[in-house]
């Protein structure tokens, strides 16, 4: 049985264990960034598919990217408009990002702040986590605690009573992913949010 209290899930995440929690898009599989290898192994995920760094608020994420003052201003403006929300920004990675998060291209990192009170509550205690959807690679995203527990029996999930009062709404659609090209934005994946730039 891996359904645990919020405090046990947070403590597990802080120790480098794999955890899962609801977000505004699809439930996340998450781990400390320097333990990213655990996600690739658990999901049987290709190393060509990078993980997303999820944080409780934008300020928790900016040290993981590097750019000019002008670029940072653009990125922060976009973040202010769309975060918290279903938008992942792929930006140039700083030296702070573990290479294991994006093994085939460690020069970039995807960042997101979810529009989910429960996810933000967890991330505000754990710090930014490496995340992806809770499913085996190539399969549909799992939507319920029971499904996640059946597929990932060793992953810590929240006991249903921990979700009461959080009014957690999950769209069931992944985030929209946009990449900074150096001069503008390129949409890599159209998800649940319409990005205008």
Protein backbone atom coordinates (compact mmCIF):
# COMPACT_ATOMS: atom_id res chain seq x y z
CA UNK A 1 0.00 0.00 0.00
CA UNK A 2 1.63 3.23 -1.10
CA UNK A 3 -1.18 5.71 -0.33
CA UNK A 4 0.29 8.02 2.29
CA UNK A 5 -0.29 11.31 4.07
CA UNK A 6 0.89 14.58 2.57
CA UNK A 7 3.74 14.80 5.10
CA UNK A 8 4.95 11.27 4.26
CA UNK A 9 4.78 11.95 0.53
CA UNK A 10 6.76 15.18 0.94
CA UNK A 11 9.34 13.44 3.16
CA UNK A 12 9.66 10.64 0.60
CA UNK A 13 10.14 13.14 -2.23
CA UNK A 14 12.77 15.00 -0.21
CA UNK A 15 14.64 11.69 0.25
CA UNK A 16 14.63 11.02 -3.49
CA UNK A 17 11.70 8.59 -3.73
CA UNK A 18 9.32 8.53 -6.70
CA UNK A 19 5.99 10.18 -5.88
CA UNK A 20 2.77 10.93 -7.76
CA UNK A 21 0.26 13.73 -7.22
CA UNK A 22 -2.58 15.43 -9.12
CA UNK A 23 -1.92 18.50 -11.27
CA UNK A 24 -4.17 20.67 -13.44
CA UNK A 25 -3.35 18.61 -16.56
CA UNK A 26 -2.65 14.93 -15.83
CA UNK A 27 -1.35 13.29 -12.62
CA UNK A 28 2.42 13.69 -12.28
CA UNK A 29 5.16 11.21 -11.59
CA UNK A 30 7.84 13.22 -9.79
CA UNK A 31 11.28 12.94 -8.19
CA UNK A 32 14.19 15.13 -7.09
CA UNK A 33 15.96 16.42 -10.23
CA UNK A 34 19.21 14.62 -9.44
CA UNK A 35 17.28 11.32 -9.18
CA UNK A 36 15.67 11.72 -12.63
CA UNK A 37 17.01 8.33 -13.72
CA UNK A 38 14.31 6.71 -11.53
CA UNK A 39 11.54 8.13 -13.74
CA UNK A 40 13.12 6.93 -16.99
CA UNK A 41 13.50 3.44 -15.49
CA UNK A 42 10.01 3.26 -13.97
CA UNK A 43 8.30 4.49 -17.15
CA UNK A 44 10.57 2.61 -19.58
CA UNK A 45 10.94 6.06 -21.13
CA UNK A 46 13.24 6.96 -24.00
CA UNK A 47 16.12 9.22 -22.98
CA UNK A 48 15.19 11.39 -25.95
CA UNK A 49 12.07 12.53 -24.06
CA UNK A 50 13.16 15.08 -21.45
CA UNK A 51 11.46 15.63 -18.10
CA UNK A 52 9.76 18.85 -16.99
CA UNK A 53 10.90 20.78 -13.93
CA UNK A 54 7.79 21.75 -11.99
CA UNK A 55 7.84 24.40 -9.28
CA UNK A 56 5.39 25.99 -6.86
CA UNK A 57 6.01 29.49 -8.23
CA UNK A 58 8.09 31.09 -11.02
CA UNK A 59 10.82 32.41 -8.71
CA UNK A 60 11.66 28.82 -7.74
CA UNK A 61 12.53 28.03 -11.38
CA UNK A 62 14.49 30.95 -12.84
CA UNK A 63 17.86 29.82 -11.43
CA UNK A 64 17.58 26.70 -13.63
CA UNK A 65 17.73 28.78 -16.85
CA UNK A 66 20.22 31.19 -18.37
CA UNK A 67 19.63 34.00 -20.80
CA UNK A 68 20.22 37.67 -21.41
CA UNK A 69 18.42 40.27 -19.33
CA UNK A 70 16.17 40.89 -22.32
CA UNK A 71 15.34 37.20 -22.68
CA UNK A 72 14.61 36.82 -18.98
CA UNK A 73 12.23 39.76 -19.22
CA UNK A 74 10.37 38.07 -22.13
CA UNK A 75 10.22 34.70 -20.33
CA UNK A 76 9.01 36.26 -17.10
CA UNK A 77 6.34 38.21 -18.98
CA UNK A 78 5.04 34.97 -20.55
CA UNK A 79 5.17 33.22 -17.17
CA UNK A 80 3.22 36.07 -15.59
CA UNK A 81 0.53 35.70 -18.26
CA UNK A 82 0.18 31.89 -18.28
CA UNK A 83 1.41 30.57 -14.92
CA UNK A 84 0.12 28.90 -12.92
CA UNK A 85 -1.27 26.94 -15.85
CA UNK A 86 -0.94 24.29 -18.54
CA UNK A 87 2.06 25.80 -20.31
CA UNK A 88 5.59 24.34 -20.32
CA UNK A 89 8.38 26.72 -21.35
CA UNK A 90 11.48 25.06 -22.87
CA UNK A 91 14.38 27.41 -22.18
CA UNK A 92 18.20 27.33 -22.17
CA UNK A 93 19.34 25.36 -19.10
CA UNK A 94 21.74 26.70 -16.49
CA UNK A 95 24.50 24.58 -14.93
CA UNK A 96 22.11 23.92 -12.02
CA UNK A 97 20.03 21.46 -14.12
CA UNK A 98 21.15 17.83 -13.70
CA UNK A 99 22.01 16.34 -17.12
CA UNK A 100 19.85 13.31 -16.20
CA UNK A 101 16.71 15.43 -16.72
CA UNK A 102 17.40 15.77 -20.45
CA UNK A 103 20.12 13.24 -21.31
CA UNK A 104 20.16 13.83 -25.08
CA UNK A 105 20.06 17.64 -24.92
CA UNK A 106 21.17 18.95 -21.51
CA UNK A 107 21.28 22.50 -22.92
CA UNK A 108 17.51 22.99 -22.50
CA UNK A 109 14.99 22.51 -19.70
CA UNK A 110 11.20 22.55 -19.65
CA UNK A 111 9.63 24.55 -16.79
CA UNK A 112 6.07 24.70 -15.49
CA UNK A 113 4.03 25.99 -12.55
CA UNK A 114 0.80 23.94 -12.34
CA UNK A 115 -2.57 25.53 -11.64
CA UNK A 116 -3.31 23.02 -8.87
CA UNK A 117 -3.50 23.85 -5.17
CA UNK A 118 -2.44 20.34 -4.09
CA UNK A 119 0.54 20.27 -6.49
CA UNK A 120 1.65 23.74 -5.38
CA UNK A 121 1.29 22.75 -1.71
CA UNK A 122 3.59 19.76 -2.29
CA UNK A 123 6.11 21.61 -4.49
CA UNK A 124 6.36 24.49 -2.02
CA UNK A 125 7.65 21.95 0.53
CA UNK A 126 9.81 19.76 -1.73
CA UNK A 127 11.26 22.43 -4.00
CA UNK A 128 11.16 21.98 -7.79
CA UNK A 129 10.76 18.36 -8.93
CA UNK A 130 11.49 16.54 -12.19
CA UNK A 131 8.09 15.47 -13.51
CA UNK A 132 6.27 13.69 -16.30
CA UNK A 133 2.83 12.13 -16.73
CA UNK A 134 2.09 9.07 -14.57
CA UNK A 135 2.03 6.28 -17.16
CA UNK A 136 4.30 3.83 -18.92
CA UNK A 137 5.86 5.37 -22.00
CA UNK A 138 3.61 5.26 -25.06
CA UNK A 139 0.49 4.49 -23.03
CA UNK A 140 -2.34 6.92 -22.12
CA UNK A 141 -1.83 9.04 -19.01
CA UNK A 142 -3.27 7.37 -15.92
CA UNK A 143 -6.05 9.41 -14.32
CA UNK A 144 -6.93 7.78 -10.98
CA UNK A 145 -5.11 6.80 -7.80
CA UNK A 146 -6.13 3.17 -8.33
CA UNK A 147 -4.64 3.12 -11.84
CA UNK A 148 -1.40 4.75 -10.71
CA UNK A 149 -1.08 2.33 -7.80
CA UNK A 150 -1.68 -0.68 -10.07
CA UNK A 151 0.97 0.41 -12.59
CA UNK A 152 3.50 1.85 -10.12
CA UNK A 153 3.10 -0.08 -6.84
CA UNK A 154 6.28 1.39 -5.33
CA UNK A 155 5.42 5.03 -6.02
CA UNK A 156 4.09 7.11 -3.12
CA UNK A 157 0.61 8.51 -3.83
CA UNK A 158 -1.66 10.61 -1.64
CA UNK A 159 -4.34 8.90 0.41
CA UNK A 160 -7.76 10.03 -0.94
CA UNK A 161 -8.55 11.81 2.34
CA UNK A 162 -5.56 14.10 1.69
CA UNK A 163 -7.27 15.43 -1.44
CA UNK A 164 -10.39 16.63 0.39
CA UNK A 165 -10.76 20.38 0.45
CA UNK A 166 -8.30 20.92 -2.40
CA UNK A 167 -10.96 20.88 -5.11
CA UNK A 168 -8.48 19.30 -7.48
CA UNK A 169 -9.57 19.62 -11.11
CA UNK A 170 -7.57 17.63 -13.66
CA UNK A 171 -8.17 18.33 -17.36
CA UNK A 172 -6.78 14.99 -18.50
CA UNK A 173 -4.91 16.79 -21.30
CA UNK A 174 -1.12 17.40 -21.19
CA UNK A 175 0.35 20.88 -21.08
CA UNK A 176 1.13 22.91 -24.19
CA UNK A 177 4.91 22.97 -24.73
CA UNK A 178 6.66 25.96 -26.32
CA UNK A 179 10.38 26.41 -26.92
CA UNK A 180 12.38 29.62 -26.98
CA UNK A 181 14.34 29.72 -30.27
CA UNK A 182 16.50 32.72 -29.40
CA UNK A 183 14.26 35.09 -31.36
CA UNK A 184 10.75 33.81 -30.60
CA UNK A 185 8.61 30.81 -29.66
CA UNK A 186 8.06 27.47 -31.36
CA UNK A 187 5.09 25.29 -30.31
CA UNK A 188 6.41 21.74 -29.75
CA UNK A 189 3.16 20.26 -28.45
CA UNK A 190 -0.35 21.66 -28.52
CA UNK A 191 -1.98 20.72 -25.24
CA UNK A 192 -4.80 22.08 -23.14
CA UNK A 193 -3.79 25.73 -23.42
CA UNK A 194 -3.80 28.03 -26.46
CA UNK A 195 -0.52 29.93 -26.47
CA UNK A 196 -0.49 33.33 -28.17
CA UNK A 197 2.71 35.27 -28.71
